[in-house]
Amino acid sequence: MTYVICEPCIGTKDASCVDVCPVDCIHTTDEAEMYYIDPIECIDCGACEPVCPVTAIFPDFDVPDEWEEWTKVNADFFL
């Protein structure tokens, strides 16, 4: 299991999730509109989920149907 950042993060780029991540698996670039979770680095601790101000972070098995594609979007960011 890994955590996934979904569409509500776009345009927000609040770094609360980055601040609490114990393994530094949440990344972005200056050009990106949001943050992304590296599925290989994520240790599934869940620390990021409750601090997200826009409720954009979900366990991969619990991503809402309308945002299902964001699991791949997060993984593809790290290719």
PDB file of N, CA and C in Angstrom:
ATOM      1  N   MET A   1       0.842  -1.177   0.000  1.00  0.00           N
ATOM      2  CA  MET A   1       0.000   0.000   0.000  1.00  0.00           C
ATOM      3  C   MET A   1       0.887   1.240   0.000  1.00  0.00           C
ATOM      4  N   THR A   2       0.395   2.276  -0.620  1.00  0.00           N
ATOM      5  CA  THR A   2       1.027   3.591  -0.577  1.00  0.00           C
ATOM      6  C   THR A   2      -0.072   4.637  -0.496  1.00  0.00           C
ATOM      7  N   TYR A   3       0.310   5.832  -0.229  1.00  0.00           N
ATOM      8  CA  TYR A   3      -0.649   6.933  -0.213  1.00  0.00           C
ATOM      9  C   TYR A   3      -0.567   7.680  -1.532  1.00  0.00           C
ATOM     10  N   VAL A   4      -1.675   8.313  -1.904  1.00  0.00           N
ATOM     11  CA  VAL A   4      -1.802   8.985  -3.192  1.00  0.00           C
ATOM     12  C   VAL A   4      -2.353  10.392  -2.961  1.00  0.00           C
ATOM     13  N   ILE A   5      -1.755  11.363  -3.625  1.00  0.00           N
ATOM     14  CA  ILE A   5      -2.280  12.728  -3.574  1.00  0.00           C
ATOM     15  C   ILE A   5      -3.143  12.923  -4.819  1.00  0.00           C
ATOM     16  N   CYS A   6      -4.361  13.382  -4.607  1.00  0.00           N
ATOM     17  CA  CYS A   6      -5.336  13.491  -5.691  1.00  0.00           C
ATOM     18  C   CYS A   6      -5.605  14.953  -6.074  1.00  0.00           C
ATOM     19  N   GLU A   7      -6.524  15.117  -6.991  1.00  0.00           N
ATOM     20  CA  GLU A   7      -6.844  16.386  -7.634  1.00  0.00           C
ATOM     21  C   GLU A   7      -7.027  17.599  -6.719  1.00  0.00           C
ATOM     22  N   PRO A   8      -7.606  17.467  -5.518  1.00  0.00           N
ATOM     23  CA  PRO A   8      -7.799  18.668  -4.698  1.00  0.00           C
ATOM     24  C   PRO A   8      -6.503  19.416  -4.355  1.00  0.00           C
ATOM     25  N   CYS A   9      -5.370  18.769  -4.489  1.00  0.00           N
ATOM     26  CA  CYS A   9      -4.091  19.419  -4.194  1.00  0.00           C
ATOM     27  C   CYS A   9      -3.701  20.433  -5.273  1.00  0.00           C
ATOM     28  N   ILE A  10      -4.216  20.281  -6.459  1.00  0.00           N
ATOM     29  CA  ILE A  10      -3.835  21.173  -7.557  1.00  0.00           C
ATOM     30  C   ILE A  10      -4.102  22.619  -7.161  1.00  0.00           C
ATOM     31  N   GLY A  11      -3.065  23.420  -7.287  1.00  0.00           N
ATOM     32  CA  GLY A  11      -3.174  24.840  -6.978  1.00  0.00           C
ATOM     33  C   GLY A  11      -3.019  25.184  -5.509  1.00  0.00           C
ATOM     34  N   THR A  12      -3.014  24.188  -4.643  1.00  0.00           N
ATOM     35  CA  THR A  12      -2.883  24.449  -3.213  1.00  0.00           C
ATOM     36  C   THR A  12      -1.419  24.439  -2.793  1.00  0.00           C
ATOM     37  N   LYS A  13      -0.751  23.343  -3.099  1.00  0.00           N
ATOM     38  CA  LYS A  13       0.672  23.171  -2.786  1.00  0.00           C
ATOM     39  C   LYS A  13       1.007  23.575  -1.350  1.00  0.00           C
ATOM     40  N   ASP A  14       0.172  23.181  -0.415  1.00  0.00           N
ATOM     41  CA  ASP A  14       0.442  23.364   1.004  1.00  0.00           C
ATOM     42  C   ASP A  14       1.438  22.286   1.418  1.00  0.00           C
ATOM     43  N   ALA A  15       2.496  22.649   2.080  1.00  0.00           N
ATOM     44  CA  ALA A  15       3.564  21.696   2.402  1.00  0.00           C
ATOM     45  C   ALA A  15       3.383  21.003   3.750  1.00  0.00           C
ATOM     46  N   SER A  16       2.210  21.038   4.313  1.00  0.00           N
ATOM     47  CA  SER A  16       1.979  20.373   5.603  1.00  0.00           C
ATOM     48  C   SER A  16       2.329  18.894   5.528  1.00  0.00           C
ATOM     49  N   CYS A  17       1.987  18.264   4.427  1.00  0.00           N
ATOM     50  CA  CYS A  17       2.268  16.838   4.261  1.00  0.00           C
ATOM     51  C   CYS A  17       3.773  16.575   4.211  1.00  0.00           C
ATOM     52  N   VAL A  18       4.492  17.452   3.564  1.00  0.00           N
ATOM     53  CA  VAL A  18       5.955  17.308   3.458  1.00  0.00           C
ATOM     54  C   VAL A  18       6.579  17.418   4.845  1.00  0.00           C
ATOM     55  N   ASP A  19       6.101  18.352   5.632  1.00  0.00           N
ATOM     56  CA  ASP A  19       6.660  18.602   6.957  1.00  0.00           C
ATOM     57  C   ASP A  19       6.535  17.410   7.891  1.00  0.00           C
ATOM     58  N   VAL A  20       5.492  16.606   7.746  1.00  0.00           N
ATOM     59  CA  VAL A  20       5.280  15.477   8.664  1.00  0.00           C
ATOM     60  C   VAL A  20       5.776  14.139   8.119  1.00  0.00           C
ATOM     61  N   CYS A  21       6.173  14.085   6.879  1.00  0.00           N
ATOM     62  CA  CYS A  21       6.616  12.811   6.288  1.00  0.00           C
ATOM     63  C   CYS A  21       7.974  12.398   6.862  1.00  0.00           C
ATOM     64  N   PRO A  22       8.032  11.231   7.506  1.00  0.00           N
ATOM     65  CA  PRO A  22       9.289  10.812   8.129  1.00  0.00           C
ATOM     66  C   PRO A  22      10.343  10.304   7.145  1.00  0.00           C
ATOM     67  N   VAL A  23       9.945  10.022   5.905  1.00  0.00           N
ATOM     68  CA  VAL A  23      10.913   9.487   4.934  1.00  0.00           C
ATOM     69  C   VAL A  23      11.109  10.393   3.726  1.00  0.00           C
ATOM     70  N   ASP A  24      10.556  11.583   3.761  1.00  0.00           N
ATOM     71  CA  ASP A  24      10.731  12.556   2.684  1.00  0.00           C
ATOM     72  C   ASP A  24      10.361  11.972   1.316  1.00  0.00           C
ATOM     73  N   CYS A  25       9.159  11.387   1.233  1.00  0.00           N
ATOM     74  CA  CYS A  25       8.726  10.771  -0.028  1.00  0.00           C
ATOM     75  C   CYS A  25       7.753  11.638  -0.816  1.00  0.00           C
ATOM     76  N   ILE A  26       7.490  12.852  -0.340  1.00  0.00           N
ATOM     77  CA  ILE A  26       6.542  13.745  -1.008  1.00  0.00           C
ATOM     78  C   ILE A  26       7.334  14.852  -1.696  1.00  0.00           C
ATOM     79  N   HIS A  27       7.144  14.959  -3.010  1.00  0.00           N
ATOM     80  CA  HIS A  27       7.977  15.860  -3.804  1.00  0.00           C
ATOM     81  C   HIS A  27       7.149  16.696  -4.770  1.00  0.00           C
ATOM     82  N   THR A  28       7.775  17.731  -5.283  1.00  0.00           N
ATOM     83  CA  THR A  28       7.195  18.572  -6.314  1.00  0.00           C
ATOM     84  C   THR A  28       8.338  19.248  -7.064  1.00  0.00           C
ATOM     85  N   THR A  29       7.986  20.039  -8.032  1.00  0.00           N
ATOM     86  CA  THR A  29       8.945  20.909  -8.713  1.00  0.00           C
ATOM     87  C   THR A  29       8.330  22.304  -8.741  1.00  0.00           C
ATOM     88  N   ASP A  30       9.114  23.287  -9.108  1.00  0.00           N
ATOM     89  CA  ASP A  30       8.577  24.647  -9.215  1.00  0.00           C
ATOM     90  C   ASP A  30       7.471  24.714 -10.256  1.00  0.00           C
ATOM     91  N   GLU A  31       7.586  23.906 -11.302  1.00  0.00           N
ATOM     92  CA  GLU A  31       6.617  23.923 -12.393  1.00  0.00           C
ATOM     93  C   GLU A  31       5.344  23.139 -12.095  1.00  0.00           C
ATOM     94  N   ALA A  32       5.436  22.167 -11.212  1.00  0.00           N
ATOM     95  CA  ALA A  32       4.285  21.309 -10.913  1.00  0.00           C
ATOM     96  C   ALA A  32       3.231  22.082 -10.126  1.00  0.00           C
ATOM     97  N   GLU A  33       1.969  21.709 -10.336  1.00  0.00           N
ATOM     98  CA  GLU A  33       0.852  22.377  -9.676  1.00  0.00           C
ATOM     99  C   GLU A  33       0.488  21.768  -8.326  1.00  0.00           C
ATOM    100  N   MET A  34       1.168  20.678  -7.965  1.00  0.00           N
ATOM    101  CA  MET A  34       0.817  19.973  -6.739  1.00  0.00           C
ATOM    102  C   MET A  34       1.994  19.152  -6.240  1.00  0.00           C
ATOM    103  N   TYR A  35       1.788  18.452  -5.130  1.00  0.00           N
ATOM    104  CA  TYR A  35       2.772  17.518  -4.599  1.00  0.00           C
ATOM    105  C   TYR A  35       2.424  16.105  -5.045  1.00  0.00           C
ATOM    106  N   TYR A  36       3.427  15.217  -4.995  1.00  0.00           N
ATOM    107  CA  TYR A  36       3.265  13.820  -5.399  1.00  0.00           C
ATOM    108  C   TYR A  36       3.965  12.930  -4.383  1.00  0.00           C
ATOM    109  N   ILE A  37       3.408  11.756  -4.140  1.00  0.00           N
ATOM    110  CA  ILE A  37       4.002  10.784  -3.223  1.00  0.00           C
ATOM    111  C   ILE A  37       4.682   9.692  -4.035  1.00  0.00           C
ATOM    112  N   ASP A  38       5.959   9.479  -3.745  1.00  0.00           N
ATOM    113  CA  ASP A  38       6.718   8.428  -4.425  1.00  0.00           C
ATOM    114  C   ASP A  38       6.274   7.081  -3.864  1.00  0.00           C
ATOM    115  N   PRO A  39       5.658   6.232  -4.689  1.00  0.00           N
ATOM    116  CA  PRO A  39       5.129   4.960  -4.186  1.00  0.00           C
ATOM    117  C   PRO A  39       6.214   3.982  -3.739  1.00  0.00           C
ATOM    118  N   ILE A  40       7.425   4.181  -4.182  1.00  0.00           N
ATOM    119  CA  ILE A  40       8.522   3.299  -3.763  1.00  0.00           C
ATOM    120  C   ILE A  40       9.069   3.729  -2.404  1.00  0.00           C
ATOM    121  N   GLU A  41       9.147   5.030  -2.173  1.00  0.00           N
ATOM    122  CA  GLU A  41       9.687   5.549  -0.918  1.00  0.00           C
ATOM    123  C   GLU A  41       8.675   5.562   0.225  1.00  0.00           C
ATOM    124  N   CYS A  42       7.389   5.640  -0.099  1.00  0.00           N
ATOM    125  CA  CYS A  42       6.344   5.740   0.924  1.00  0.00           C
ATOM    126  C   CYS A  42       6.345   4.490   1.814  1.00  0.00           C
ATOM    127  N   ILE A  43       6.339   4.723   3.137  1.00  0.00           N
ATOM    128  CA  ILE A  43       6.332   3.600   4.088  1.00  0.00           C
ATOM    129  C   ILE A  43       4.937   3.360   4.671  1.00  0.00           C
ATOM    130  N   ASP A  44       3.938   3.994   4.096  1.00  0.00           N
ATOM    131  CA  ASP A  44       2.546   3.768   4.492  1.00  0.00           C
ATOM    132  C   ASP A  44       2.248   4.139   5.938  1.00  0.00           C
ATOM    133  N   CYS A  45       2.910   5.152   6.444  1.00  0.00           N
ATOM    134  CA  CYS A  45       2.701   5.532   7.839  1.00  0.00           C
ATOM    135  C   CYS A  45       1.404   6.314   8.041  1.00  0.00           C
ATOM    136  N   GLY A  46       0.940   7.008   6.993  1.00  0.00           N
ATOM    137  CA  GLY A  46      -0.301   7.753   7.077  1.00  0.00           C
ATOM    138  C   GLY A  46      -0.194   9.113   7.740  1.00  0.00           C
ATOM    139  N   ALA A  47       0.997   9.557   8.088  1.00  0.00           N
ATOM    140  CA  ALA A  47       1.163  10.849   8.759  1.00  0.00           C
ATOM    141  C   ALA A  47       0.673  12.014   7.907  1.00  0.00           C
ATOM    142  N   CYS A  48       0.760  11.888   6.605  1.00  0.00           N
ATOM    143  CA  CYS A  48       0.393  12.972   5.693  1.00  0.00           C
ATOM    144  C   CYS A  48      -1.115  13.178   5.572  1.00  0.00           C
ATOM    145  N   GLU A  49      -1.859  12.123   5.662  1.00  0.00           N
ATOM    146  CA  GLU A  49      -3.300  12.181   5.397  1.00  0.00           C
ATOM    147  C   GLU A  49      -4.060  13.165   6.294  1.00  0.00           C
ATOM    148  N   PRO A  50      -3.910  13.113   7.618  1.00  0.00           N
ATOM    149  CA  PRO A  50      -4.717  14.008   8.456  1.00  0.00           C
ATOM    150  C   PRO A  50      -4.312  15.484   8.400  1.00  0.00           C
ATOM    151  N   VAL A  51      -3.106  15.795   7.933  1.00  0.00           N
ATOM    152  CA  VAL A  51      -2.675  17.202   7.910  1.00  0.00           C
ATOM    153  C   VAL A  51      -2.993  17.901   6.592  1.00  0.00           C
ATOM    154  N   CYS A  52      -3.469  17.179   5.607  1.00  0.00           N
ATOM    155  CA  CYS A  52      -3.785  17.780   4.309  1.00  0.00           C
ATOM    156  C   CYS A  52      -4.984  18.722   4.454  1.00  0.00           C
ATOM    157  N   PRO A  53      -4.804  20.009   4.140  1.00  0.00           N
ATOM    158  CA  PRO A  53      -5.891  20.966   4.333  1.00  0.00           C
ATOM    159  C   PRO A  53      -7.026  20.852   3.315  1.00  0.00           C
ATOM    160  N   VAL A  54      -6.797  20.102   2.232  1.00  0.00           N
ATOM    161  CA  VAL A  54      -7.835  19.974   1.201  1.00  0.00           C
ATOM    162  C   VAL A  54      -8.317  18.530   1.031  1.00  0.00           C
ATOM    163  N   THR A  55      -7.979  17.659   1.958  1.00  0.00           N
ATOM    164  CA  THR A  55      -8.378  16.246   1.933  1.00  0.00           C
ATOM    165  C   THR A  55      -8.085  15.618   0.571  1.00  0.00           C
ATOM    166  N   ALA A  56      -6.822  15.712   0.174  1.00  0.00           N
ATOM    167  CA  ALA A  56      -6.404  15.201  -1.128  1.00  0.00           C
ATOM    168  C   ALA A  56      -5.611  13.905  -1.036  1.00  0.00           C
ATOM    169  N   ILE A  57      -5.303  13.429   0.160  1.00  0.00           N
ATOM    170  CA  ILE A  57      -4.433  12.264   0.334  1.00  0.00           C
ATOM    171  C   ILE A  57      -5.247  11.073   0.830  1.00  0.00           C
ATOM    172  N   PHE A  58      -5.044   9.945   0.126  1.00  0.00           N
ATOM    173  CA  PHE A  58      -5.792   8.726   0.439  1.00  0.00           C
ATOM    174  C   PHE A  58      -4.870   7.513   0.337  1.00  0.00           C
ATOM    175  N   PRO A  59      -5.144   6.455   1.118  1.00  0.00           N
ATOM    176  CA  PRO A  59      -4.459   5.189   0.864  1.00  0.00           C
ATOM    177  C   PRO A  59      -4.830   4.716  -0.545  1.00  0.00           C
ATOM    178  N   ASP A  60      -3.925   4.061  -1.233  1.00  0.00           N
ATOM    179  CA  ASP A  60      -4.194   3.682  -2.629  1.00  0.00           C
ATOM    180  C   ASP A  60      -5.445   2.830  -2.795  1.00  0.00           C
ATOM    181  N   PHE A  61      -5.808   2.056  -1.777  1.00  0.00           N
ATOM    182  CA  PHE A  61      -7.006   1.219  -1.874  1.00  0.00           C
ATOM    183  C   PHE A  61      -8.294   1.987  -1.574  1.00  0.00           C
ATOM    184  N   ASP A  62      -8.151   3.235  -1.165  1.00  0.00           N
ATOM    185  CA  ASP A  62      -9.313   4.026  -0.751  1.00  0.00           C
ATOM    186  C   ASP A  62      -9.469   5.323  -1.553  1.00  0.00           C
ATOM    187  N   VAL A  63      -8.766   5.421  -2.683  1.00  0.00           N
ATOM    188  CA  VAL A  63      -8.901   6.605  -3.535  1.00  0.00           C
ATOM    189  C   VAL A  63     -10.324   6.628  -4.099  1.00  0.00           C
ATOM    190  N   PRO A  64     -11.022   7.760  -3.971  1.00  0.00           N
ATOM    191  CA  PRO A  64     -12.381   7.829  -4.529  1.00  0.00           C
ATOM    192  C   PRO A  64     -12.393   7.519  -6.025  1.00  0.00           C
ATOM    193  N   ASP A  65     -13.460   6.894  -6.477  1.00  0.00           N
ATOM    194  CA  ASP A  65     -13.562   6.469  -7.878  1.00  0.00           C
ATOM    195  C   ASP A  65     -13.270   7.597  -8.862  1.00  0.00           C
ATOM    196  N   GLU A  66     -13.743   8.810  -8.557  1.00  0.00           N
ATOM    197  CA  GLU A  66     -13.556   9.910  -9.499  1.00  0.00           C
ATOM    198  C   GLU A  66     -12.096  10.355  -9.610  1.00  0.00           C
ATOM    199  N   TRP A  67     -11.241   9.924  -8.689  1.00  0.00           N
ATOM    200  CA  TRP A  67      -9.827  10.292  -8.728  1.00  0.00           C
ATOM    201  C   TRP A  67      -8.916   9.075  -8.882  1.00  0.00           C
ATOM    202  N   GLU A  68      -9.462   7.983  -9.320  1.00  0.00           N
ATOM    203  CA  GLU A  68      -8.705   6.736  -9.453  1.00  0.00           C
ATOM    204  C   GLU A  68      -7.421   6.887 -10.268  1.00  0.00           C
ATOM    205  N   GLU A  69      -7.453   7.723 -11.305  1.00  0.00           N
ATOM    206  CA  GLU A  69      -6.287   7.885 -12.179  1.00  0.00           C
ATOM    207  C   GLU A  69      -5.102   8.538 -11.472  1.00  0.00           C
ATOM    208  N   TRP A  70      -5.324   9.147 -10.311  1.00  0.00           N
ATOM    209  CA  TRP A  70      -4.242   9.843  -9.614  1.00  0.00           C
ATOM    210  C   TRP A  70      -3.212   8.888  -9.025  1.00  0.00           C
ATOM    211  N   THR A  71      -3.553   7.638  -8.840  1.00  0.00           N
ATOM    212  CA  THR A  71      -2.559   6.657  -8.398  1.00  0.00           C
ATOM    213  C   THR A  71      -1.456   6.558  -9.444  1.00  0.00           C
ATOM    214  N   LYS A  72      -1.838   6.471 -10.697  1.00  0.00           N
ATOM    215  CA  LYS A  72      -0.865   6.410 -11.797  1.00  0.00           C
ATOM    216  C   LYS A  72      -0.162   7.748 -11.967  1.00  0.00           C
ATOM    217  N   VAL A  73      -0.883   8.846 -11.825  1.00  0.00           N
ATOM    218  CA  VAL A  73      -0.287  10.180 -11.971  1.00  0.00           C
ATOM    219  C   VAL A  73       0.848  10.358 -10.955  1.00  0.00           C
ATOM    220  N   ASN A  74       0.618   9.949  -9.714  1.00  0.00           N
ATOM    221  CA  ASN A  74       1.668  10.063  -8.701  1.00  0.00           C
ATOM    222  C   ASN A  74       2.869   9.211  -9.068  1.00  0.00           C
ATOM    223  N   ALA A  75       2.645   7.978  -9.460  1.00  0.00           N
ATOM    224  CA  ALA A  75       3.747   7.079  -9.825  1.00  0.00           C
ATOM    225  C   ALA A  75       4.512   7.602 -11.040  1.00  0.00           C
ATOM    226  N   ASP A  76       3.778   8.092 -12.037  1.00  0.00           N
ATOM    227  CA  ASP A  76       4.408   8.579 -13.270  1.00  0.00           C
ATOM    228  C   ASP A  76       5.277   9.804 -13.046  1.00  0.00           C
ATOM    229  N   PHE A  77       4.979  10.588 -12.024  1.00  0.00           N
ATOM    230  CA  PHE A  77       5.786  11.774 -11.720  1.00  0.00           C
ATOM    231  C   PHE A  77       7.240  11.389 -11.448  1.00  0.00           C
ATOM    232  N   PHE A  78       7.466  10.174 -10.957  1.00  0.00           N
ATOM    233  CA  PHE A  78       8.797   9.736 -10.571  1.00  0.00           C
ATOM    234  C   PHE A  78       9.522   8.924 -11.644  1.00  0.00           C
ATOM    235  N   LEU A  79       8.943   8.811 -12.814  1.00  0.00           N
ATOM    236  CA  LEU A  79       9.597   8.083 -13.912  1.00  0.00           C
ATOM    237  C   LEU A  79      10.655   8.937 -14.585  1.00  0.00           C
TER     238      LEU A  79
END
